[in-house]
Amino acid sequence: MTDSNPVPQAGERDPQDAACQREAARIRQERRGWVVIWVPHESRYQAYPKFRAPRGTVASAAQPGELIAQMDQVELTARRPRGRSQNTGAT
């Protein structure tokens, strides 16, 4: 009988998975305002903002560069002031 469990046992981590875990840790160190993880069964990085952002905001990408670009976009959007439109109609 073969083991059909897709999760590696302790000490059997896939080298690619380990590299992705290290990359997620590196991004997490550089971007303290985010929770950054590697999701092995989806082969994706995910990042959750620790700052005020719309509920459910998640950056998700297969490559670190794509993830960082999404994180940058979320940060830019979060910095934009909310409030009245600049077109107030006042003269």
Protein backbone atom coordinates (compact mmCIF):
# COMPACT_ATOMS: atom_id res chain seq x y z
CA MET A 1 0.00 0.00 0.00
CA THR A 2 1.36 3.43 -0.91
CA ASP A 3 0.98 6.56 1.13
CA SER A 4 -1.27 8.98 -0.75
CA ASN A 5 -0.68 11.84 1.70
CA PRO A 6 0.57 14.79 -0.43
CA VAL A 7 2.02 16.55 2.64
CA PRO A 8 5.70 15.68 3.13
CA GLN A 9 6.68 14.25 6.49
CA ALA A 10 8.96 16.23 8.79
CA GLY A 11 12.42 16.45 7.26
CA GLU A 12 11.15 15.66 3.73
CA ARG A 13 10.45 19.25 2.65
CA ASP A 14 10.68 19.86 -1.06
CA PRO A 15 13.76 22.05 -1.78
CA GLN A 16 11.65 24.34 -3.99
CA ASP A 17 9.09 24.74 -1.20
CA ALA A 18 11.88 25.55 1.27
CA ALA A 19 13.25 28.21 -1.10
CA CYS A 20 9.80 29.77 -1.42
CA GLN A 21 9.40 29.76 2.37
CA ARG A 22 12.73 31.61 2.66
CA GLU A 23 11.64 34.12 0.01
CA ALA A 24 8.38 34.78 1.90
CA ALA A 25 10.43 35.35 5.07
CA ARG A 26 12.71 37.79 3.23
CA ILE A 27 9.74 39.80 1.94
CA ARG A 28 8.19 39.74 5.41
CA GLN A 29 11.42 41.22 6.85
CA GLU A 30 11.50 43.99 4.23
CA ARG A 31 7.79 44.78 4.49
CA ARG A 32 6.99 44.97 8.21
CA GLY A 33 3.46 46.20 7.50
CA TRP A 34 2.48 42.88 5.94
CA VAL A 35 1.96 39.25 6.87
CA VAL A 36 3.58 37.31 4.02
CA ILE A 37 3.26 33.55 3.61
CA TRP A 38 3.96 30.82 1.07
CA VAL A 39 0.98 28.53 0.43
CA PRO A 40 2.53 25.29 -0.88
CA HIS A 41 -0.64 23.52 -2.04
CA GLU A 42 -1.53 26.57 -4.16
CA SER A 43 2.07 27.39 -5.18
CA ARG A 44 1.39 31.03 -4.35
CA TYR A 45 2.63 33.76 -2.09
CA GLN A 46 -0.02 35.64 -0.14
CA ALA A 47 0.29 38.91 1.73
CA TYR A 48 -2.17 40.44 4.17
CA PRO A 49 -1.84 44.10 5.18
CA LYS A 50 -1.46 44.94 8.86
CA PHE A 51 -2.48 48.54 8.12
CA ARG A 52 -5.92 49.96 7.43
CA ALA A 53 -7.12 48.64 4.08
CA PRO A 54 -10.49 47.50 2.77
CA ARG A 55 -11.67 44.32 4.45
CA GLY A 56 -10.57 41.20 2.59
CA THR A 57 -7.54 42.84 0.95
CA VAL A 58 -5.05 40.13 -0.01
CA ALA A 59 -2.17 40.23 -2.45
CA SER A 60 -1.60 36.85 -4.10
CA ALA A 61 0.88 35.83 -6.78
CA ALA A 62 2.96 32.91 -7.98
CA GLN A 63 6.14 35.00 -8.23
CA PRO A 64 7.69 37.26 -5.57
CA GLY A 65 8.00 40.23 -7.95
CA GLU A 66 4.30 40.05 -8.81
CA LEU A 67 3.42 39.91 -5.12
CA ILE A 68 5.56 42.97 -4.32
CA ALA A 69 3.97 44.92 -7.19
CA GLN A 70 0.51 44.13 -5.80
CA MET A 71 1.62 45.10 -2.30
CA ASP A 72 2.92 48.44 -3.64
CA GLN A 73 -0.43 49.08 -5.32
CA VAL A 74 -2.37 48.32 -2.13
CA GLU A 75 -0.10 50.66 -0.17
CA LEU A 76 -0.58 53.48 -2.69
CA THR A 77 -4.34 53.03 -2.62
CA ALA A 78 -4.39 52.98 1.19
CA ARG A 79 -2.43 56.27 1.35
CA ARG A 80 -4.87 58.17 -0.86
CA PRO A 81 -6.96 60.51 1.24
CA ARG A 82 -10.62 59.70 1.44
CA GLY A 83 -13.20 62.39 1.61
CA ARG A 84 -14.84 64.88 -0.63
CA SER A 85 -14.26 64.79 -4.31
CA GLN A 86 -12.04 67.53 -5.70
CA ASN A 87 -14.87 68.45 -8.01
CA THR A 88 -17.12 70.08 -5.42
CA GLY A 89 -18.84 72.42 -7.82
CA ALA A 90 -17.86 75.49 -5.76
CA THR A 91 -17.00 78.64 -7.66
